[in-house]
Structures are given as C-alpha cells and as structure tokens.
Amino acid sequence: MQSLLFVATIPTQSRDWADFLARAQAKLTPTEDEQRYAGSFVRLAENVWLLDVAKSAEPLGWLTSQAQVVGVPYGLLTFDNEPQWLPADFQPQEWK
C-alpha cells in the first residue's frame, strides 16, 4: 500500500466534529523541529485526507485514533501506487 484516502463521516453533533478536527489538527500540524512527516498528507475536503503512508504512517494513526476516541465513523480507500494526477503538473491545494 502506497497511499490511501481517509474519509470521515461528519457526525450530526457538530461538537463531535469540532472535537475531532481540533484533535486531528493538533497532531497534524508539525512544529518547525518536527518535519519527519511533512508532505505525507494533504486535506482534500472538509472530511477527506490523502495520505502517503510510504512517506509516513503517523498521520494515519493519528486520524484513526482520534476518530475512534471521538466516535467519528471513517473509511479507508487504499491505493497500491502513488497517486498519478492528471494533468501531470496538477497538485491539489490544501483544503482550509
């Protein structure tokens, strides 16, 4: 497995979603000294992250563990190869 999509189901309780996002953001925002997983994930939409687990599996662990703690349902769609964006020079922008 090279990469995967982590897709969370946004719960009806907005407080649960806000709690999940706050927990995930705290873990996924590296400090200046901690760049070991930089470039290993990109948030594509409000509830979708593309993870390059070949670079680092840490973001996958953080997202799944925080989803389980808060009770946010999620699914994983795995890919055997690195994503090949078309056209070739396209790079997705981080969703904010």
Protein backbone atom coordinates (compact mmCIF):
# COMPACT_ATOMS: atom_id res chain seq x y z
CA MET A 1 0.00 0.00 0.00
CA GLN A 2 1.45 3.32 -1.11
CA SER A 3 -1.30 5.76 -0.21
CA LEU A 4 -4.90 5.98 0.89
CA LEU A 5 -7.88 8.22 1.31
CA PHE A 6 -9.15 8.71 4.85
CA VAL A 7 -12.81 9.74 4.64
CA ALA A 8 -14.64 10.69 7.83
CA THR A 9 -18.40 10.86 8.14
CA ILE A 10 -19.33 14.22 9.59
CA PRO A 11 -21.49 13.45 12.64
CA THR A 12 -24.81 15.15 13.26
CA GLN A 13 -23.45 16.50 16.54
CA SER A 14 -21.30 19.42 15.37
CA ARG A 15 -19.48 19.40 18.72
CA ASP A 16 -18.14 15.90 17.97
CA TRP A 17 -16.87 17.02 14.57
CA ALA A 18 -15.26 20.14 16.01
CA ASP A 19 -13.62 17.99 18.71
CA PHE A 20 -12.28 15.55 16.11
CA LEU A 21 -10.93 18.36 13.91
CA ALA A 22 -9.25 20.07 16.86
CA ARG A 23 -7.61 16.82 17.97
CA ALA A 24 -6.51 15.92 14.43
CA GLN A 25 -5.22 19.43 13.71
CA ALA A 26 -3.17 19.44 16.91
CA LYS A 27 -1.45 16.24 15.78
CA LEU A 28 -1.18 17.02 12.07
CA THR A 29 0.41 20.45 12.46
CA PRO A 30 4.13 19.76 12.81
CA THR A 31 6.37 22.09 14.72
CA GLU A 32 9.36 23.63 12.94
CA ASP A 33 11.60 20.99 14.53
CA GLU A 34 9.33 18.09 13.58
CA GLN A 35 9.18 17.75 9.82
CA ARG A 36 9.50 13.97 9.55
CA TYR A 37 6.00 13.55 8.12
CA ALA A 38 5.78 16.80 6.17
CA GLY A 39 4.38 16.18 2.70
CA SER A 40 2.88 12.83 3.67
CA PHE A 41 -0.73 14.06 3.67
CA VAL A 42 -2.99 16.67 2.16
CA ARG A 43 -6.52 17.56 3.22
CA LEU A 44 -8.62 17.47 0.05
CA ALA A 45 -12.01 18.39 1.53
CA GLU A 46 -13.62 19.04 4.89
CA ASN A 47 -13.66 15.33 5.70
CA VAL A 48 -11.12 13.82 3.26
CA TRP A 49 -7.35 13.42 3.60
CA LEU A 50 -4.96 11.87 1.08
CA LEU A 51 -2.20 10.09 2.99
CA ASP A 52 1.11 8.88 1.58
CA VAL A 53 1.80 6.04 4.00
CA ALA A 54 5.03 5.17 2.20
CA LYS A 55 6.44 8.51 3.47
CA SER A 56 4.92 8.27 6.96
CA ALA A 57 2.15 6.25 8.60
CA GLU A 58 1.90 8.62 11.58
CA PRO A 59 -0.91 10.79 10.16
CA LEU A 60 -2.96 7.63 9.51
CA GLY A 61 -2.52 6.56 13.12
CA TRP A 62 -3.46 9.98 14.43
CA LEU A 63 -6.57 10.34 12.27
CA THR A 64 -7.87 6.85 13.04
CA SER A 65 -7.16 7.06 16.76
CA GLN A 66 -8.76 10.49 17.14
CA ALA A 67 -11.80 9.37 15.13
CA GLN A 68 -12.20 6.38 17.42
CA VAL A 69 -11.79 8.48 20.58
CA VAL A 70 -14.48 10.95 19.49
CA GLY A 71 -16.69 8.36 17.79
CA VAL A 72 -16.43 9.69 14.23
CA PRO A 73 -17.07 6.95 11.64
CA TYR A 74 -14.45 6.73 8.89
CA GLY A 75 -13.42 4.65 5.91
CA LEU A 76 -10.11 3.99 4.17
CA LEU A 77 -9.64 3.60 0.43
CA THR A 78 -6.19 2.16 -0.29
CA PHE A 79 -4.02 2.53 -3.39
CA ASP A 80 -1.12 0.29 -4.34
CA ASN A 81 0.66 3.03 -6.28
CA GLU A 82 1.46 6.67 -5.74
CA PRO A 83 -1.38 8.96 -6.91
CA GLN A 84 -0.98 9.98 -10.54
CA TRP A 85 -2.73 13.33 -11.00
CA LEU A 86 -3.85 14.36 -14.48
CA PRO A 87 -2.69 16.59 -15.98
CA ALA A 88 0.76 15.60 -14.80
CA ASP A 89 1.65 19.02 -13.38
CA PHE A 90 -1.52 19.26 -11.23
CA GLN A 91 -1.04 19.39 -7.46
CA PRO A 92 -4.11 19.66 -5.19
CA GLN A 93 -4.37 22.68 -2.95
CA GLU A 94 -4.72 22.08 0.79
CA TRP A 95 -8.37 22.48 1.83
CA LYS A 96 -8.78 25.09 4.54
